[in-house]
Amino acid sequence: MTDGRRIAFRGAACAAGVAGLVGTTAQSLSQPGPAEFWIYFTFQSNLLLAVFFGVLVGREVRGAGEPGPFLRGAKGAVTLYILITGLVFNLLLANPASPFYTVQKDSHYLWYSVLLHVVAPVMALLDWLMFGPRGSLRWRHAAMWLAYPLAYLAFALIRGAVVTTGTLYPYPFLDVAKSGYGQVTVNCCALAVAFWLLGVGLVALDRRAAGRGGDEVAVAEDVPAPTAVSRRR
C-alpha cells in the first residue's frame, strides 16, 4: 500500500536536492576556469540523496512494498552523508568562530546553498525520524557507512597532490599545502571519529524508535520464515 505522505515528502526532498544541484552546477559553469562543482562532498552527497529518494518514491508509486535490509542500510548511509554535509558546512565552514571559516555570508545565503546545506539535510533527518527504518540496523552499520567518507578523503588528498591548477583541496581542513600532512591527518582522524559517532546516533535512534535492543533484532530479519513443510515436521 502506498503512503501519500511519504511520496510527497520524499518527492519534495528529491526536488530540493535536484534544484540545489542545478543551481550550484550553473554557478560553477558560469565562472572562468575548470568546472569543479563535482569535487565537493556537498555535491556528491546531495546527488546520492536525490537519486536514492527518487528510487524510494518510484518504489512507493509502484507499490513495491517495504524496502529490504539493503535499502534500509543504504538509507542510513545516505542520511549520514547528507547530515555530514549540513553539519560540516554550518559548524565549520560558515561559522565565524571556526578555524576553518571560509564561507562568507553573501554566499552562505544563496538559494542553492541553502537547499544543499540546510533544506536537504533537515528533510533527510525528518524523513528518518518520521518514516524509519525501524529496528533494522546493527551497530556495525555505523562503521560500514564510513567507507564512502574515508574514500572521499583519500580522493581529495590524492587529487590535491596531482592537480596543478584550480582548487587543489576542496576544504580547508584538507589543505596539505597550508597545514601539512601532520595536521591534515589529525583533522581527518577527528572527523572520522565524529562521523562514526553520528552514525552511532542514527543507529541508536533507529533502535529507540523500534523499542528494541541488541543485534538479535537485525539477525531475526535475516532468518527465513518457516515454510508449510517445515511447520508440518
C-alpha atoms as a PDB file:
ATOM      1  CA  MET A   1       0.000   0.000   0.000  1.00  0.00           C
ATOM      2  CA  THR A   2       1.343   3.401  -0.952  1.00  0.00           C
ATOM      3  CA  ASP A   3       1.701   6.191   1.581  1.00  0.00           C
ATOM      4  CA  GLY A   4       0.876   9.600   0.141  1.00  0.00           C
ATOM      5  CA  ARG A   5       2.748  11.377   2.913  1.00  0.00           C
ATOM      6  CA  ARG A   6       5.976   9.534   2.190  1.00  0.00           C
ATOM      7  CA  ILE A   7       5.644  10.106  -1.545  1.00  0.00           C
ATOM      8  CA  ALA A   8       5.020  13.833  -1.114  1.00  0.00           C
ATOM      9  CA  PHE A   9       7.750  14.377   1.465  1.00  0.00           C
ATOM     10  CA  ARG A  10      10.410  12.346  -0.305  1.00  0.00           C
ATOM     11  CA  GLY A  11       9.451  13.860  -3.627  1.00  0.00           C
ATOM     12  CA  ALA A  12       9.944  17.319  -2.122  1.00  0.00           C
ATOM     13  CA  ALA A  13      13.319  16.306  -0.650  1.00  0.00           C
ATOM     14  CA  CYS A  14      14.396  14.912  -4.020  1.00  0.00           C
ATOM     15  CA  ALA A  15      13.264  18.106  -5.767  1.00  0.00           C
ATOM     16  CA  ALA A  16      15.154  20.269  -3.261  1.00  0.00           C
ATOM     17  CA  GLY A  17      18.328  18.296  -3.862  1.00  0.00           C
ATOM     18  CA  VAL A  18      17.965  18.446  -7.649  1.00  0.00           C
ATOM     19  CA  ALA A  19      17.253  22.187  -7.605  1.00  0.00           C
ATOM     20  CA  GLY A  20      20.285  22.821  -5.420  1.00  0.00           C
ATOM     21  CA  LEU A  21      22.487  20.688  -7.669  1.00  0.00           C
ATOM     22  CA  VAL A  22      21.294  22.510 -10.787  1.00  0.00           C
ATOM     23  CA  GLY A  23      21.901  25.867  -9.137  1.00  0.00           C
ATOM     24  CA  THR A  24      25.428  25.128  -7.963  1.00  0.00           C
ATOM     25  CA  THR A  25      26.317  23.489 -11.293  1.00  0.00           C
ATOM     26  CA  ALA A  26      25.092  26.511 -13.247  1.00  0.00           C
ATOM     27  CA  GLN A  27      27.016  28.846 -10.951  1.00  0.00           C
ATOM     28  CA  SER A  28      30.208  26.812 -11.343  1.00  0.00           C
ATOM     29  CA  LEU A  29      29.922  26.645 -15.122  1.00  0.00           C
ATOM     30  CA  SER A  30      29.451  30.417 -15.303  1.00  0.00           C
ATOM     31  CA  GLN A  31      32.843  31.026 -13.683  1.00  0.00           C
ATOM     32  CA  PRO A  32      36.162  31.107 -15.567  1.00  0.00           C
ATOM     33  CA  GLY A  33      38.411  28.100 -15.204  1.00  0.00           C
ATOM     34  CA  PRO A  34      37.598  24.402 -14.877  1.00  0.00           C
ATOM     35  CA  ALA A  35      34.216  23.348 -13.505  1.00  0.00           C
ATOM     36  CA  GLU A  36      34.890  21.900 -10.063  1.00  0.00           C
ATOM     37  CA  PHE A  37      31.425  21.503  -8.564  1.00  0.00           C
ATOM     38  CA  TRP A  38      31.716  17.715  -8.692  1.00  0.00           C
ATOM     39  CA  ILE A  39      34.755  17.512  -6.385  1.00  0.00           C
ATOM     40  CA  TYR A  40      32.811  18.699  -3.330  1.00  0.00           C
ATOM     41  CA  PHE A  41      31.292  16.299  -0.816  1.00  0.00           C
ATOM     42  CA  THR A  42      28.253  18.591  -0.803  1.00  0.00           C
ATOM     43  CA  PHE A  43      27.550  17.922  -4.466  1.00  0.00           C
ATOM     44  CA  GLN A  44      28.132  14.192  -4.216  1.00  0.00           C
ATOM     45  CA  SER A  45      26.050  13.675  -1.063  1.00  0.00           C
ATOM     46  CA  ASN A  46      23.130  15.682  -2.443  1.00  0.00           C
ATOM     47  CA  LEU A  47      23.307  13.713  -5.689  1.00  0.00           C
ATOM     48  CA  LEU A  48      23.126  10.487  -3.671  1.00  0.00           C
ATOM     49  CA  LEU A  49      20.167  11.868  -1.722  1.00  0.00           C
ATOM     50  CA  ALA A  50      18.263  12.920  -4.842  1.00  0.00           C
ATOM     51  CA  VAL A  51      18.823   9.585  -6.591  1.00  0.00           C
ATOM     52  CA  PHE A  52      18.026   7.481  -3.522  1.00  0.00           C
ATOM     53  CA  PHE A  53      14.866   9.361  -2.598  1.00  0.00           C
ATOM     54  CA  GLY A  54      13.814   9.199  -6.246  1.00  0.00           C
ATOM     55  CA  VAL A  55      14.201   5.414  -6.075  1.00  0.00           C
ATOM     56  CA  LEU A  56      12.140   5.269  -2.873  1.00  0.00           C
ATOM     57  CA  VAL A  57       9.380   7.379  -4.431  1.00  0.00           C
ATOM     58  CA  GLY A  58       9.366   5.154  -7.515  1.00  0.00           C
ATOM     59  CA  ARG A  59       9.047   2.046  -5.361  1.00  0.00           C
ATOM     60  CA  GLU A  60       6.226   3.619  -3.388  1.00  0.00           C
ATOM     61  CA  VAL A  61       4.301   4.594  -6.524  1.00  0.00           C
ATOM     62  CA  ARG A  62       4.679   1.068  -7.925  1.00  0.00           C
ATOM     63  CA  GLY A  63       3.522  -0.451  -4.652  1.00  0.00           C
ATOM     64  CA  ALA A  64       6.768  -2.398  -4.301  1.00  0.00           C
ATOM     65  CA  GLY A  65       6.274  -2.849  -0.569  1.00  0.00           C
ATOM     66  CA  GLU A  66       8.643  -2.166   2.293  1.00  0.00           C
ATOM     67  CA  PRO A  67      12.340  -1.896   1.369  1.00  0.00           C
ATOM     68  CA  GLY A  68      14.560  -4.822   2.254  1.00  0.00           C
ATOM     69  CA  PRO A  69      17.644  -4.846   4.509  1.00  0.00           C
ATOM     70  CA  PHE A  70      19.941  -3.478   1.793  1.00  0.00           C
ATOM     71  CA  LEU A  71      17.831  -0.406   1.065  1.00  0.00           C
ATOM     72  CA  ARG A  72      17.292   0.203   4.773  1.00  0.00           C
ATOM     73  CA  GLY A  73      21.020   0.182   5.397  1.00  0.00           C
ATOM     74  CA  ALA A  74      21.570   2.348   2.325  1.00  0.00           C
ATOM     75  CA  LYS A  75      19.065   4.866   3.637  1.00  0.00           C
ATOM     76  CA  GLY A  76      21.053   5.125   6.850  1.00  0.00           C
ATOM     77  CA  ALA A  77      24.213   5.755   4.830  1.00  0.00           C
ATOM     78  CA  VAL A  78      22.610   8.423   2.639  1.00  0.00           C
ATOM     79  CA  THR A  79      21.135  10.119   5.705  1.00  0.00           C
ATOM     80  CA  LEU A  80      24.522  10.129   7.423  1.00  0.00           C
ATOM     81  CA  TYR A  81      26.270  11.629   4.393  1.00  0.00           C
ATOM     82  CA  ILE A  82      23.811  14.481   3.943  1.00  0.00           C
ATOM     83  CA  LEU A  83      23.932  15.227   7.684  1.00  0.00           C
ATOM     84  CA  ILE A  84      27.722  15.394   7.416  1.00  0.00           C
ATOM     85  CA  THR A  85      27.281  17.933   4.628  1.00  0.00           C
ATOM     86  CA  GLY A  86      24.973  20.108   6.698  1.00  0.00           C
ATOM     87  CA  LEU A  87      26.981  19.922   9.915  1.00  0.00           C
ATOM     88  CA  VAL A  88      30.408  20.476   8.355  1.00  0.00           C
ATOM     89  CA  PHE A  89      29.156  23.447   6.363  1.00  0.00           C
ATOM     90  CA  ASN A  90      27.233  25.170   9.134  1.00  0.00           C
ATOM     91  CA  LEU A  91      29.561  24.367  12.048  1.00  0.00           C
ATOM     92  CA  LEU A  92      32.971  24.546  10.368  1.00  0.00           C
ATOM     93  CA  LEU A  93      32.878  26.375   7.048  1.00  0.00           C
ATOM     94  CA  ALA A  94      30.189  29.040   7.594  1.00  0.00           C
ATOM     95  CA  ASN A  95      30.814  29.581  11.302  1.00  0.00           C
ATOM     96  CA  PRO A  96      32.954  32.678  12.064  1.00  0.00           C
ATOM     97  CA  ALA A  97      34.124  31.031  15.304  1.00  0.00           C
ATOM     98  CA  SER A  98      35.570  28.042  13.415  1.00  0.00           C
ATOM     99  CA  PRO A  99      39.258  27.882  12.441  1.00  0.00           C
ATOM    100  CA  PHE A 100      38.051  26.614   9.044  1.00  0.00           C
ATOM    101  CA  TYR A 101      35.708  29.541   8.412  1.00  0.00           C
ATOM    102  CA  THR A 102      35.827  30.284   4.686  1.00  0.00           C
ATOM    103  CA  VAL A 103      32.219  30.812   3.564  1.00  0.00           C
ATOM    104  CA  GLN A 104      31.115  34.432   3.681  1.00  0.00           C
ATOM    105  CA  LYS A 105      27.509  35.403   4.391  1.00  0.00           C
ATOM    106  CA  ASP A 106      26.809  36.583   0.859  1.00  0.00           C
ATOM    107  CA  SER A 107      27.441  33.074  -0.489  1.00  0.00           C
ATOM    108  CA  HIS A 108      26.055  31.304   2.589  1.00  0.00           C
ATOM    109  CA  TYR A 109      22.546  32.543   1.847  1.00  0.00           C
ATOM    110  CA  LEU A 110      22.453  31.895  -1.882  1.00  0.00           C
ATOM    111  CA  TRP A 111      19.296  29.918  -2.607  1.00  0.00           C
ATOM    112  CA  TYR A 112      21.062  26.832  -3.906  1.00  0.00           C
ATOM    113  CA  SER A 113      23.464  26.832  -0.962  1.00  0.00           C
ATOM    114  CA  VAL A 114      20.527  26.897   1.456  1.00  0.00           C
ATOM    115  CA  LEU A 115      18.910  23.985  -0.386  1.00  0.00           C
ATOM    116  CA  LEU A 116      22.088  21.890  -0.359  1.00  0.00           C
ATOM    117  CA  HIS A 117      23.359  22.696   3.123  1.00  0.00           C
ATOM    118  CA  VAL A 118      20.196  23.285   5.150  1.00  0.00           C
ATOM    119  CA  VAL A 119      16.972  22.144   3.482  1.00  0.00           C
ATOM    120  CA  ALA A 120      18.199  18.766   2.200  1.00  0.00           C
ATOM    121  CA  PRO A 121      19.886  17.711   5.485  1.00  0.00           C
ATOM    122  CA  VAL A 122      16.887  18.784   7.581  1.00  0.00           C
ATOM    123  CA  MET A 123      14.436  16.970   5.305  1.00  0.00           C
ATOM    124  CA  ALA A 124      16.575  13.820   5.336  1.00  0.00           C
ATOM    125  CA  LEU A 125      16.665  13.834   9.140  1.00  0.00           C
ATOM    126  CA  LEU A 126      12.914  14.441   9.357  1.00  0.00           C
ATOM    127  CA  ASP A 127      12.295  11.585   6.927  1.00  0.00           C
ATOM    128  CA  TRP A 128      14.462   9.339   9.094  1.00  0.00           C
ATOM    129  CA  LEU A 129      12.518  10.300  12.213  1.00  0.00           C
ATOM    130  CA  MET A 130       9.068  10.043  10.625  1.00  0.00           C
ATOM    131  CA  PHE A 131       9.386   7.084   8.290  1.00  0.00           C
ATOM    132  CA  GLY A 132      12.225   4.956   9.575  1.00  0.00           C
ATOM    133  CA  PRO A 133      13.630   2.343   9.062  1.00  0.00           C
ATOM    134  CA  ARG A 134      12.690   0.917  12.429  1.00  0.00           C
ATOM    135  CA  GLY A 135      14.821  -1.621  14.257  1.00  0.00           C
ATOM    136  CA  SER A 136      16.595  -2.912  11.152  1.00  0.00           C
ATOM    137  CA  LEU A 137      20.111  -1.613  11.784  1.00  0.00           C
ATOM    138  CA  ARG A 138      23.069  -3.121  13.591  1.00  0.00           C
ATOM    139  CA  TRP A 139      25.731  -1.223  15.468  1.00  0.00           C
ATOM    140  CA  ARG A 140      28.337  -2.197  12.880  1.00  0.00           C
ATOM    141  CA  HIS A 141      26.464  -0.177  10.255  1.00  0.00           C
ATOM    142  CA  ALA A 142      27.964   2.970  11.817  1.00  0.00           C
ATOM    143  CA  ALA A 143      31.450   1.749  10.877  1.00  0.00           C
ATOM    144  CA  MET A 144      30.400   0.378   7.480  1.00  0.00           C
ATOM    145  CA  TRP A 145      28.934   3.734   6.485  1.00  0.00           C
ATOM    146  CA  LEU A 146      32.355   5.361   6.868  1.00  0.00           C
ATOM    147  CA  ALA A 147      33.614   3.657   3.694  1.00  0.00           C
ATOM    148  CA  TYR A 148      32.473   6.472   1.421  1.00  0.00           C
ATOM    149  CA  PRO A 149      33.620   9.451   3.570  1.00  0.00           C
ATOM    150  CA  LEU A 150      37.037   7.816   4.007  1.00  0.00           C
ATOM    151  CA  ALA A 151      37.250   7.118   0.273  1.00  0.00           C
ATOM    152  CA  TYR A 152      36.349  10.750  -0.361  1.00  0.00           C
ATOM    153  CA  LEU A 153      39.114  11.926   1.965  1.00  0.00           C
ATOM    154  CA  ALA A 154      41.600   9.761   0.066  1.00  0.00           C
ATOM    155  CA  PHE A 155      40.306  11.088  -3.271  1.00  0.00           C
ATOM    156  CA  ALA A 156      40.597  14.716  -2.130  1.00  0.00           C
ATOM    157  CA  LEU A 157      44.147  14.271  -0.839  1.00  0.00           C
ATOM    158  CA  ILE A 158      45.366  12.355  -3.899  1.00  0.00           C
ATOM    159  CA  ARG A 159      43.738  14.821  -6.272  1.00  0.00           C
ATOM    160  CA  GLY A 160      45.268  17.755  -4.409  1.00  0.00           C
ATOM    161  CA  ALA A 161      48.719  16.229  -4.768  1.00  0.00           C
ATOM    162  CA  VAL A 162      48.262  15.679  -8.504  1.00  0.00           C
ATOM    163  CA  VAL A 163      46.441  18.720  -9.911  1.00  0.00           C
ATOM    164  CA  THR A 164      48.327  21.954 -10.506  1.00  0.00           C
ATOM    165  CA  THR A 165      45.545  24.406 -11.367  1.00  0.00           C
ATOM    166  CA  GLY A 166      42.223  25.425  -9.892  1.00  0.00           C
ATOM    167  CA  THR A 167      41.144  24.321  -6.442  1.00  0.00           C
ATOM    168  CA  LEU A 168      43.733  21.924  -5.067  1.00  0.00           C
ATOM    169  CA  TYR A 169      41.862  20.925  -1.909  1.00  0.00           C
ATOM    170  CA  PRO A 170      38.071  21.363  -1.679  1.00  0.00           C
ATOM    171  CA  TYR A 171      38.048  22.045   2.079  1.00  0.00           C
ATOM    172  CA  PRO A 172      40.458  23.971   4.340  1.00  0.00           C
ATOM    173  CA  PHE A 173      40.830  21.107   6.822  1.00  0.00           C
ATOM    174  CA  LEU A 174      42.251  19.014   3.953  1.00  0.00           C
ATOM    175  CA  ASP A 175      44.653  21.676   2.689  1.00  0.00           C
ATOM    176  CA  VAL A 176      48.025  19.944   2.891  1.00  0.00           C
ATOM    177  CA  ALA A 177      49.759  22.860   1.171  1.00  0.00           C
ATOM    178  CA  LYS A 178      48.742  25.172   4.010  1.00  0.00           C
ATOM    179  CA  SER A 179      48.674  22.920   7.081  1.00  0.00           C
ATOM    180  CA  GLY A 180      50.956  19.998   6.220  1.00  0.00           C
ATOM    181  CA  TYR A 181      50.242  16.286   6.276  1.00  0.00           C
ATOM    182  CA  GLY A 182      50.546  16.016  10.053  1.00  0.00           C
ATOM    183  CA  GLN A 183      47.767  18.493  10.829  1.00  0.00           C
ATOM    184  CA  VAL A 184      45.583  17.200   7.998  1.00  0.00           C
ATOM    185  CA  THR A 185      45.970  13.665   9.382  1.00  0.00           C
ATOM    186  CA  VAL A 186      44.811  14.903  12.782  1.00  0.00           C
ATOM    187  CA  ASN A 187      41.870  16.679  11.135  1.00  0.00           C
ATOM    188  CA  CYS A 188      40.875  13.550   9.197  1.00  0.00           C
ATOM    189  CA  CYS A 189      41.058  11.333  12.285  1.00  0.00           C
ATOM    190  CA  ALA A 190      38.927  13.768  14.286  1.00  0.00           C
ATOM    191  CA  LEU A 191      36.361  13.965  11.503  1.00  0.00           C
ATOM    192  CA  ALA A 192      36.271  10.169  11.117  1.00  0.00           C
ATOM    193  CA  VAL A 193      35.517   9.758  14.824  1.00  0.00           C
ATOM    194  CA  ALA A 194      32.845  12.466  14.663  1.00  0.00           C
ATOM    195  CA  PHE A 195      31.235  10.845  11.618  1.00  0.00           C
ATOM    196  CA  TRP A 196      31.269   7.438  13.311  1.00  0.00           C
ATOM    197  CA  LEU A 197      29.600   8.880  16.409  1.00  0.00           C
ATOM    198  CA  LEU A 198      26.975  10.499  14.197  1.00  0.00           C
ATOM    199  CA  GLY A 199      26.330   7.117  12.587  1.00  0.00           C
ATOM    200  CA  VAL A 200      26.068   5.511  16.025  1.00  0.00           C
ATOM    201  CA  GLY A 201      23.495   8.158  16.883  1.00  0.00           C
ATOM    202  CA  LEU A 202      21.411   7.222  13.842  1.00  0.00           C
ATOM    203  CA  VAL A 203      21.518   3.534  14.757  1.00  0.00           C
ATOM    204  CA  ALA A 204      20.551   4.403  18.341  1.00  0.00           C
ATOM    205  CA  LEU A 205      17.596   6.469  17.095  1.00  0.00           C
ATOM    206  CA  ASP A 206      16.545   3.566  14.884  1.00  0.00           C
ATOM    207  CA  ARG A 207      16.600   1.130  17.805  1.00  0.00           C
ATOM    208  CA  ARG A 208      14.929   3.518  20.200  1.00  0.00           C
ATOM    209  CA  ALA A 209      12.133   4.186  17.714  1.00  0.00           C
ATOM    210  CA  ALA A 210      11.628   0.451  17.310  1.00  0.00           C
ATOM    211  CA  GLY A 211      11.598  -0.085  21.073  1.00  0.00           C
ATOM    212  CA  ARG A 212      14.126  -2.888  20.700  1.00  0.00           C
ATOM    213  CA  GLY A 213      17.754  -3.513  21.572  1.00  0.00           C
ATOM    214  CA  GLY A 214      20.535  -5.911  20.764  1.00  0.00           C
ATOM    215  CA  ASP A 215      21.773  -7.293  17.491  1.00  0.00           C
ATOM    216  CA  GLU A 216      19.308 -10.152  17.663  1.00  0.00           C
ATOM    217  CA  VAL A 217      16.654  -7.821  16.251  1.00  0.00           C
ATOM    218  CA  ALA A 218      18.516  -7.396  12.998  1.00  0.00           C
ATOM    219  CA  VAL A 219      19.583 -11.029  12.965  1.00  0.00           C
ATOM    220  CA  ALA A 220      15.981 -12.150  13.214  1.00  0.00           C
ATOM    221  CA  GLU A 221      15.211 -10.326   9.974  1.00  0.00           C
ATOM    222  CA  ASP A 222      17.752 -12.457   8.132  1.00  0.00           C
ATOM    223  CA  VAL A 223      16.205 -15.756   9.277  1.00  0.00           C
ATOM    224  CA  PRO A 224      13.716 -17.076   6.703  1.00  0.00           C
ATOM    225  CA  ALA A 225      10.181 -17.685   7.856  1.00  0.00           C
ATOM    226  CA  PRO A 226       9.267 -21.367   8.317  1.00  0.00           C
ATOM    227  CA  THR A 227       7.622 -22.958   5.308  1.00  0.00           C
ATOM    228  CA  ALA A 228       4.469 -25.026   5.386  1.00  0.00           C
ATOM    229  CA  VAL A 229       6.573 -28.188   5.047  1.00  0.00           C
ATOM    230  CA  SER A 230       8.833 -27.268   7.953  1.00  0.00           C
ATOM    231  CA  ARG A 231       5.819 -26.485  10.135  1.00  0.00           C
ATOM    232  CA  ARG A 232       4.327 -29.926   9.475  1.00  0.00           C
ATOM    233  CA  ARG A 233       7.562 -31.512  10.613  1.00  0.00           C
END
